[in-house]
Amino acid sequence: MVSYPDISRLPDDLAASLVRLVRLVNQLRTRNPDLDQLALSVETELDFHAATILVHHVEGSDDDFQLMLSPWDGRQLLEGSDQR
């Protein structure tokens, strides 16, 4: 499981986004125990900032799990699905 980074000095909205991402990653890892790497695609600048913090946090842990930022922009994926 991914531990929660220290959110005590973060603005409330950034802390909430970071908590949501940690919960998401942990749910995915619970459902897929063999998952050893994951790429996050986010929709907002706030979520991107939170994801960047989380990626650095995971890199600094002793876990073999690897978390990355996806090269795809989540906003583009959503906009593309609206055009169908």
PDB file of N, CA and C in Angstrom:
ATOM      1  N   MET A   1       0.827  -1.190   0.000  1.00  0.00           N
ATOM      2  CA  MET A   1       0.000   0.000   0.000  1.00  0.00           C
ATOM      3  C   MET A   1       0.870   1.252   0.000  1.00  0.00           C
ATOM      4  N   VAL A   2       0.355   2.271  -0.652  1.00  0.00           N
ATOM      5  CA  VAL A   2       1.035   3.558  -0.682  1.00  0.00           C
ATOM      6  C   VAL A   2       0.652   4.309   0.589  1.00  0.00           C
ATOM      7  N   SER A   3       1.647   4.801   1.295  1.00  0.00           N
ATOM      8  CA  SER A   3       1.373   5.574   2.505  1.00  0.00           C
ATOM      9  C   SER A   3       0.996   7.005   2.119  1.00  0.00           C
ATOM     10  N   TYR A   4       0.364   7.682   3.053  1.00  0.00           N
ATOM     11  CA  TYR A   4      -0.017   9.069   2.817  1.00  0.00           C
ATOM     12  C   TYR A   4       1.180   9.975   3.093  1.00  0.00           C
ATOM     13  N   PRO A   5       1.502  10.864   2.156  1.00  0.00           N
ATOM     14  CA  PRO A   5       2.557  11.841   2.441  1.00  0.00           C
ATOM     15  C   PRO A   5       2.051  12.871   3.452  1.00  0.00           C
ATOM     16  N   ASP A   6       2.961  13.632   4.008  1.00  0.00           N
ATOM     17  CA  ASP A   6       2.599  14.684   4.955  1.00  0.00           C
ATOM     18  C   ASP A   6       1.834  15.775   4.204  1.00  0.00           C
ATOM     19  N   ILE A   7       0.600  15.984   4.587  1.00  0.00           N
ATOM     20  CA  ILE A   7      -0.227  17.000   3.921  1.00  0.00           C
ATOM     21  C   ILE A   7      -0.473  18.211   4.818  1.00  0.00           C
ATOM     22  N   SER A   8       0.182  18.252   5.957  1.00  0.00           N
ATOM     23  CA  SER A   8      -0.105  19.287   6.951  1.00  0.00           C
ATOM     24  C   SER A   8       0.190  20.704   6.463  1.00  0.00           C
ATOM     25  N   ARG A   9       1.106  20.864   5.534  1.00  0.00           N
ATOM     26  CA  ARG A   9       1.458  22.212   5.065  1.00  0.00           C
ATOM     27  C   ARG A   9       0.890  22.538   3.691  1.00  0.00           C
ATOM     28  N   LEU A  10       0.046  21.651   3.183  1.00  0.00           N
ATOM     29  CA  LEU A  10      -0.528  21.872   1.857  1.00  0.00           C
ATOM     30  C   LEU A  10      -1.853  22.611   1.963  1.00  0.00           C
ATOM     31  N   PRO A  11      -2.212  23.374   0.931  1.00  0.00           N
ATOM     32  CA  PRO A  11      -3.551  23.969   0.908  1.00  0.00           C
ATOM     33  C   PRO A  11      -4.608  22.860   0.928  1.00  0.00           C
ATOM     34  N   ASP A  12      -5.774  23.164   1.444  1.00  0.00           N
ATOM     35  CA  ASP A  12      -6.823  22.154   1.609  1.00  0.00           C
ATOM     36  C   ASP A  12      -7.197  21.452   0.310  1.00  0.00           C
ATOM     37  N   ASP A  13      -7.317  22.216  -0.780  1.00  0.00           N
ATOM     38  CA  ASP A  13      -7.729  21.590  -2.036  1.00  0.00           C
ATOM     39  C   ASP A  13      -6.661  20.647  -2.577  1.00  0.00           C
ATOM     40  N   LEU A  14      -5.398  20.994  -2.424  1.00  0.00           N
ATOM     41  CA  LEU A  14      -4.308  20.134  -2.867  1.00  0.00           C
ATOM     42  C   LEU A  14      -4.218  18.893  -1.981  1.00  0.00           C
ATOM     43  N   ALA A  15      -4.384  19.072  -0.683  1.00  0.00           N
ATOM     44  CA  ALA A  15      -4.370  17.932   0.240  1.00  0.00           C
ATOM     45  C   ALA A  15      -5.500  16.961  -0.081  1.00  0.00           C
ATOM     46  N   ALA A  16      -6.684  17.483  -0.372  1.00  0.00           N
ATOM     47  CA  ALA A  16      -7.825  16.626  -0.700  1.00  0.00           C
ATOM     48  C   ALA A  16      -7.574  15.851  -2.002  1.00  0.00           C
ATOM     49  N   SER A  17      -6.994  16.500  -2.978  1.00  0.00           N
ATOM     50  CA  SER A  17      -6.668  15.835  -4.236  1.00  0.00           C
ATOM     51  C   SER A  17      -5.639  14.734  -4.017  1.00  0.00           C
ATOM     52  N   LEU A  18      -4.661  15.011  -3.206  1.00  0.00           N
ATOM     53  CA  LEU A  18      -3.615  14.026  -2.901  1.00  0.00           C
ATOM     54  C   LEU A  18      -4.203  12.812  -2.172  1.00  0.00           C
ATOM     55  N   VAL A  19      -5.086  13.051  -1.229  1.00  0.00           N
ATOM     56  CA  VAL A  19      -5.742  11.959  -0.504  1.00  0.00           C
ATOM     57  C   VAL A  19      -6.560  11.105  -1.468  1.00  0.00           C
ATOM     58  N   ARG A  20      -7.290  11.735  -2.385  1.00  0.00           N
ATOM     59  CA  ARG A  20      -8.074  10.977  -3.377  1.00  0.00           C
ATOM     60  C   ARG A  20      -7.180  10.093  -4.238  1.00  0.00           C
ATOM     61  N   LEU A  21      -6.037  10.620  -4.649  1.00  0.00           N
ATOM     62  CA  LEU A  21      -5.128   9.839  -5.485  1.00  0.00           C
ATOM     63  C   LEU A  21      -4.527   8.662  -4.720  1.00  0.00           C
ATOM     64  N   VAL A  22      -4.171   8.874  -3.462  1.00  0.00           N
ATOM     65  CA  VAL A  22      -3.640   7.769  -2.653  1.00  0.00           C
ATOM     66  C   VAL A  22      -4.702   6.683  -2.510  1.00  0.00           C
ATOM     67  N   ARG A  23      -5.938   7.076  -2.236  1.00  0.00           N
ATOM     68  CA  ARG A  23      -7.025   6.095  -2.118  1.00  0.00           C
ATOM     69  C   ARG A  23      -7.225   5.336  -3.425  1.00  0.00           C
ATOM     70  N   LEU A  24      -7.192   6.035  -4.537  1.00  0.00           N
ATOM     71  CA  LEU A  24      -7.353   5.398  -5.844  1.00  0.00           C
ATOM     72  C   LEU A  24      -6.253   4.373  -6.092  1.00  0.00           C
ATOM     73  N   VAL A  25      -5.018   4.777  -5.879  1.00  0.00           N
ATOM     74  CA  VAL A  25      -3.883   3.876  -6.096  1.00  0.00           C
ATOM     75  C   VAL A  25      -3.989   2.662  -5.182  1.00  0.00           C
ATOM     76  N   ASN A  26      -4.333   2.866  -3.932  1.00  0.00           N
ATOM     77  CA  ASN A  26      -4.441   1.752  -3.005  1.00  0.00           C
ATOM     78  C   ASN A  26      -5.596   0.815  -3.359  1.00  0.00           C
ATOM     79  N   GLN A  27      -6.697   1.351  -3.857  1.00  0.00           N
ATOM     80  CA  GLN A  27      -7.803   0.500  -4.301  1.00  0.00           C
ATOM     81  C   GLN A  27      -7.387  -0.347  -5.504  1.00  0.00           C
ATOM     82  N   LEU A  28      -6.685   0.264  -6.429  1.00  0.00           N
ATOM     83  CA  LEU A  28      -6.218  -0.483  -7.596  1.00  0.00           C
ATOM     84  C   LEU A  28      -5.241  -1.580  -7.194  1.00  0.00           C
ATOM     85  N   ARG A  29      -4.372  -1.282  -6.261  1.00  0.00           N
ATOM     86  CA  ARG A  29      -3.399  -2.282  -5.807  1.00  0.00           C
ATOM     87  C   ARG A  29      -4.077  -3.395  -5.011  1.00  0.00           C
ATOM     88  N   THR A  30      -5.146  -3.085  -4.300  1.00  0.00           N
ATOM     89  CA  THR A  30      -5.889  -4.111  -3.565  1.00  0.00           C
ATOM     90  C   THR A  30      -6.597  -5.041  -4.542  1.00  0.00           C
ATOM     91  N   ARG A  31      -7.184  -4.475  -5.574  1.00  0.00           N
ATOM     92  CA  ARG A  31      -7.904  -5.284  -6.569  1.00  0.00           C
ATOM     93  C   ARG A  31      -6.961  -6.070  -7.470  1.00  0.00           C
ATOM     94  N   ASN A  32      -5.765  -5.551  -7.659  1.00  0.00           N
ATOM     95  CA  ASN A  32      -4.772  -6.186  -8.529  1.00  0.00           C
ATOM     96  C   ASN A  32      -3.466  -6.332  -7.761  1.00  0.00           C
ATOM     97  N   PRO A  33      -3.349  -7.358  -6.912  1.00  0.00           N
ATOM     98  CA  PRO A  33      -2.172  -7.493  -6.049  1.00  0.00           C
ATOM     99  C   PRO A  33      -0.846  -7.607  -6.805  1.00  0.00           C
ATOM    100  N   ASP A  34      -0.880  -8.031  -8.054  1.00  0.00           N
ATOM    101  CA  ASP A  34       0.344  -8.172  -8.834  1.00  0.00           C
ATOM    102  C   ASP A  34       0.775  -6.864  -9.496  1.00  0.00           C
ATOM    103  N   LEU A  35      -0.003  -5.818  -9.316  1.00  0.00           N
ATOM    104  CA  LEU A  35       0.298  -4.523  -9.922  1.00  0.00           C
ATOM    105  C   LEU A  35       1.577  -3.949  -9.324  1.00  0.00           C
ATOM    106  N   ASP A  36       2.594  -3.770 -10.164  1.00  0.00           N
ATOM    107  CA  ASP A  36       3.853  -3.241  -9.644  1.00  0.00           C
ATOM    108  C   ASP A  36       4.202  -1.877 -10.227  1.00  0.00           C
ATOM    109  N   GLN A  37       3.387  -1.412 -11.183  1.00  0.00           N
ATOM    110  CA  GLN A  37       3.569  -0.058 -11.689  1.00  0.00           C
ATOM    111  C   GLN A  37       2.248   0.470 -12.222  1.00  0.00           C
ATOM    112  N   LEU A  38       2.114   1.788 -12.169  1.00  0.00           N
ATOM    113  CA  LEU A  38       0.875   2.439 -12.566  1.00  0.00           C
ATOM    114  C   LEU A  38       1.199   3.829 -13.088  1.00  0.00           C
ATOM    115  N   ALA A  39       0.536   4.208 -14.171  1.00  0.00           N
ATOM    116  CA  ALA A  39       0.679   5.560 -14.708  1.00  0.00           C
ATOM    117  C   ALA A  39      -0.633   6.311 -14.473  1.00  0.00           C
ATOM    118  N   LEU A  40      -0.540   7.480 -13.885  1.00  0.00           N
ATOM    119  CA  LEU A  40      -1.714   8.304 -13.617  1.00  0.00           C
ATOM    120  C   LEU A  40      -1.911   9.338 -14.715  1.00  0.00           C
ATOM    121  N   SER A  41      -3.134   9.444 -15.197  1.00  0.00           N
ATOM    122  CA  SER A  41      -3.520  10.502 -16.118  1.00  0.00           C
ATOM    123  C   SER A  41      -4.528  11.376 -15.376  1.00  0.00           C
ATOM    124  N   VAL A  42      -4.275  12.664 -15.292  1.00  0.00           N
ATOM    125  CA  VAL A  42      -5.129  13.557 -14.509  1.00  0.00           C
ATOM    126  C   VAL A  42      -5.753  14.612 -15.407  1.00  0.00           C
ATOM    127  N   GLU A  43      -6.793  15.259 -14.881  1.00  0.00           N
ATOM    128  CA  GLU A  43      -7.570  16.201 -15.680  1.00  0.00           C
ATOM    129  C   GLU A  43      -7.295  17.671 -15.377  1.00  0.00           C
ATOM    130  N   THR A  44      -6.849  17.970 -14.178  1.00  0.00           N
ATOM    131  CA  THR A  44      -6.698  19.371 -13.783  1.00  0.00           C
ATOM    132  C   THR A  44      -5.271  19.659 -13.338  1.00  0.00           C
ATOM    133  N   GLU A  45      -4.930  20.923 -13.313  1.00  0.00           N
ATOM    134  CA  GLU A  45      -3.609  21.330 -12.822  1.00  0.00           C
ATOM    135  C   GLU A  45      -3.434  20.954 -11.355  1.00  0.00           C
ATOM    136  N   LEU A  46      -4.507  21.077 -10.585  1.00  0.00           N
ATOM    137  CA  LEU A  46      -4.458  20.708  -9.172  1.00  0.00           C
ATOM    138  C   LEU A  46      -4.135  19.225  -9.020  1.00  0.00           C
ATOM    139  N   ASP A  47      -4.825  18.377  -9.783  1.00  0.00           N
ATOM    140  CA  ASP A  47      -4.561  16.941  -9.721  1.00  0.00           C
ATOM    141  C   ASP A  47      -3.160  16.613 -10.235  1.00  0.00           C
ATOM    142  N   PHE A  48      -2.692  17.352 -11.222  1.00  0.00           N
ATOM    143  CA  PHE A  48      -1.338  17.136 -11.727  1.00  0.00           C
ATOM    144  C   PHE A  48      -0.317  17.443 -10.635  1.00  0.00           C
ATOM    145  N   HIS A  49      -0.540  18.520  -9.926  1.00  0.00           N
ATOM    146  CA  HIS A  49       0.360  18.890  -8.826  1.00  0.00           C
ATOM    147  C   HIS A  49       0.347  17.805  -7.744  1.00  0.00           C
ATOM    148  N   ALA A  50      -0.859  17.338  -7.393  1.00  0.00           N
ATOM    149  CA  ALA A  50      -0.988  16.280  -6.385  1.00  0.00           C
ATOM    150  C   ALA A  50      -0.320  14.990  -6.869  1.00  0.00           C
ATOM    151  N   ALA A  51      -0.508  14.658  -8.138  1.00  0.00           N
ATOM    152  CA  ALA A  51       0.103  13.444  -8.686  1.00  0.00           C
ATOM    153  C   ALA A  51       1.624  13.544  -8.671  1.00  0.00           C
ATOM    154  N   THR A  52       2.150  14.705  -8.955  1.00  0.00           N
ATOM    155  CA  THR A  52       3.601  14.904  -8.934  1.00  0.00           C
ATOM    156  C   THR A  52       4.141  14.700  -7.519  1.00  0.00           C
ATOM    157  N   ILE A  53       3.456  15.238  -6.534  1.00  0.00           N
ATOM    158  CA  ILE A  53       3.858  15.037  -5.135  1.00  0.00           C
ATOM    159  C   ILE A  53       3.825  13.555  -4.789  1.00  0.00           C
ATOM    160  N   LEU A  54       2.764  12.870  -5.222  1.00  0.00           N
ATOM    161  CA  LEU A  54       2.621  11.455  -4.901  1.00  0.00           C
ATOM    162  C   LEU A  54       3.697  10.608  -5.590  1.00  0.00           C
ATOM    163  N   VAL A  55       4.014  10.916  -6.837  1.00  0.00           N
ATOM    164  CA  VAL A  55       5.062  10.189  -7.552  1.00  0.00           C
ATOM    165  C   VAL A  55       6.387  10.317  -6.804  1.00  0.00           C
ATOM    166  N   HIS A  56       6.727  11.519  -6.379  1.00  0.00           N
ATOM    167  CA  HIS A  56       7.977  11.728  -5.633  1.00  0.00           C
ATOM    168  C   HIS A  56       7.940  11.012  -4.278  1.00  0.00           C
ATOM    169  N   HIS A  57       6.787  10.999  -3.651  1.00  0.00           N
ATOM    170  CA  HIS A  57       6.636  10.305  -2.372  1.00  0.00           C
ATOM    171  C   HIS A  57       6.864   8.800  -2.543  1.00  0.00           C
ATOM    172  N   VAL A  58       6.275   8.222  -3.582  1.00  0.00           N
ATOM    173  CA  VAL A  58       6.428   6.784  -3.836  1.00  0.00           C
ATOM    174  C   VAL A  58       7.872   6.457  -4.202  1.00  0.00           C
ATOM    175  N   GLU A  59       8.507   7.334  -4.972  1.00  0.00           N
ATOM    176  CA  GLU A  59       9.916   7.114  -5.331  1.00  0.00           C
ATOM    177  C   GLU A  59      10.802   7.055  -4.094  1.00  0.00           C
ATOM    178  N   GLY A  60      10.465   7.791  -3.066  1.00  0.00           N
ATOM    179  CA  GLY A  60      11.266   7.840  -1.856  1.00  0.00           C
ATOM    180  C   GLY A  60      10.958   6.730  -0.858  1.00  0.00           C
ATOM    181  N   SER A  61       9.981   5.884  -1.179  1.00  0.00           N
ATOM    182  CA  SER A  61       9.621   4.806  -0.256  1.00  0.00           C
ATOM    183  C   SER A  61      10.419   3.539  -0.562  1.00  0.00           C
ATOM    184  N   ASP A  62      10.340   2.585   0.327  1.00  0.00           N
ATOM    185  CA  ASP A  62      11.050   1.320   0.158  1.00  0.00           C
ATOM    186  C   ASP A  62      10.257   0.309  -0.669  1.00  0.00           C
ATOM    187  N   ASP A  63       9.054   0.663  -1.058  1.00  0.00           N
ATOM    188  CA  ASP A  63       8.189  -0.228  -1.827  1.00  0.00           C
ATOM    189  C   ASP A  63       8.740  -0.412  -3.249  1.00  0.00           C
ATOM    190  N   ASP A  64       8.547  -1.589  -3.804  1.00  0.00           N
ATOM    191  CA  ASP A  64       8.981  -1.859  -5.179  1.00  0.00           C
ATOM    192  C   ASP A  64       7.998  -1.312  -6.210  1.00  0.00           C
ATOM    193  N   PHE A  65       6.899  -0.759  -5.748  1.00  0.00           N
ATOM    194  CA  PHE A  65       5.869  -0.215  -6.630  1.00  0.00           C
ATOM    195  C   PHE A  65       6.376   1.057  -7.311  1.00  0.00           C
ATOM    196  N   GLN A  66       6.054   1.189  -8.595  1.00  0.00           N
ATOM    197  CA  GLN A  66       6.460   2.376  -9.358  1.00  0.00           C
ATOM    198  C   GLN A  66       5.214   3.130  -9.818  1.00  0.00           C
ATOM    199  N   LEU A  67       5.168   4.405  -9.514  1.00  0.00           N
ATOM    200  CA  LEU A  67       4.070   5.276  -9.918  1.00  0.00           C
ATOM    201  C   LEU A  67       4.626   6.339 -10.850  1.00  0.00           C
ATOM    202  N   MET A  68       3.947   6.538 -11.972  1.00  0.00           N
ATOM    203  CA  MET A  68       4.414   7.489 -12.986  1.00  0.00           C
ATOM    204  C   MET A  68       3.274   8.394 -13.411  1.00  0.00           C
ATOM    205  N   LEU A  69       3.627   9.490 -14.030  1.00  0.00           N
ATOM    206  CA  LEU A  69       2.628  10.345 -14.672  1.00  0.00           C
ATOM    207  C   LEU A  69       2.467   9.856 -16.098  1.00  0.00           C
ATOM    208  N   SER A  70       1.249   9.703 -16.519  1.00  0.00           N
ATOM    209  CA  SER A  70       0.971   9.241 -17.869  1.00  0.00           C
ATOM    210  C   SER A  70       1.343  10.319 -18.876  1.00  0.00           C
ATOM    211  N   PRO A  71       1.849   9.906 -20.036  1.00  0.00           N
ATOM    212  CA  PRO A  71       2.139  10.910 -21.070  1.00  0.00           C
ATOM    213  C   PRO A  71       0.874  11.463 -21.711  1.00  0.00           C
ATOM    214  N   TRP A  72      -0.281  10.840 -21.444  1.00  0.00           N
ATOM    215  CA  TRP A  72      -1.538  11.311 -22.008  1.00  0.00           C
ATOM    216  C   TRP A  72      -2.212  12.267 -21.053  1.00  0.00           C
ATOM    217  N   ASP A  73      -2.810  13.269 -21.598  1.00  0.00           N
ATOM    218  CA  ASP A  73      -3.542  14.267 -20.834  1.00  0.00           C
ATOM    219  C   ASP A  73      -4.978  13.783 -20.663  1.00  0.00           C
ATOM    220  N   GLY A  74      -5.424  13.602 -19.436  1.00  0.00           N
ATOM    221  CA  GLY A  74      -6.760  13.114 -19.164  1.00  0.00           C
ATOM    222  C   GLY A  74      -7.851  13.991 -19.748  1.00  0.00           C
ATOM    223  N   ARG A  75      -7.596  15.282 -19.857  1.00  0.00           N
ATOM    224  CA  ARG A  75      -8.598  16.187 -20.439  1.00  0.00           C
ATOM    225  C   ARG A  75      -8.840  15.860 -21.899  1.00  0.00           C
ATOM    226  N   GLN A  76      -7.778  15.526 -22.626  1.00  0.00           N
ATOM    227  CA  GLN A  76      -7.917  15.179 -24.043  1.00  0.00           C
ATOM    228  C   GLN A  76      -8.717  13.896 -24.200  1.00  0.00           C
ATOM    229  N   LEU A  77      -8.504  12.943 -23.314  1.00  0.00           N
ATOM    230  CA  LEU A  77      -9.261  11.699 -23.384  1.00  0.00           C
ATOM    231  C   LEU A  77     -10.749  11.959 -23.149  1.00  0.00           C
ATOM    232  N   LEU A  78     -11.069  12.804 -22.183  1.00  0.00           N
ATOM    233  CA  LEU A  78     -12.466  13.116 -21.912  1.00  0.00           C
ATOM    234  C   LEU A  78     -13.104  13.903 -23.050  1.00  0.00           C
ATOM    235  N   GLU A  79     -12.386  14.854 -23.595  1.00  0.00           N
ATOM    236  CA  GLU A  79     -12.923  15.645 -24.695  1.00  0.00           C
ATOM    237  C   GLU A  79     -13.168  14.758 -25.912  1.00  0.00           C
ATOM    238  N   GLY A  80     -12.297  13.810 -26.145  1.00  0.00           N
ATOM    239  CA  GLY A  80     -12.453  12.887 -27.273  1.00  0.00           C
ATOM    240  C   GLY A  80     -13.656  12.003 -27.102  1.00  0.00           C
ATOM    241  N   SER A  81     -13.975  11.620 -25.862  1.00  0.00           N
ATOM    242  CA  SER A  81     -15.131  10.739 -25.638  1.00  0.00           C
ATOM    243  C   SER A  81     -16.443  11.491 -25.793  1.00  0.00           C
ATOM    244  N   ASP A  82     -16.437  12.816 -25.652  1.00  0.00           N
ATOM    245  CA  ASP A  82     -17.654  13.610 -25.826  1.00  0.00           C
ATOM    246  C   ASP A  82     -18.030  13.762 -27.295  1.00  0.00           C
ATOM    247  N   GLN A  83     -17.062  13.569 -28.175  1.00  0.00           N
ATOM    248  CA  GLN A  83     -17.304  13.798 -29.588  1.00  0.00           C
ATOM    249  C   GLN A  83     -17.933  12.601 -30.268  1.00  0.00           C
ATOM    250  N   ARG A  84     -18.060  11.478 -29.597  1.00  0.00           N
ATOM    251  CA  ARG A  84     -18.624  10.269 -30.203  1.00  0.00           C
ATOM    252  C   ARG A  84     -20.088  10.368 -30.406  1.00  0.00           C
TER     253      ARG A  84
END
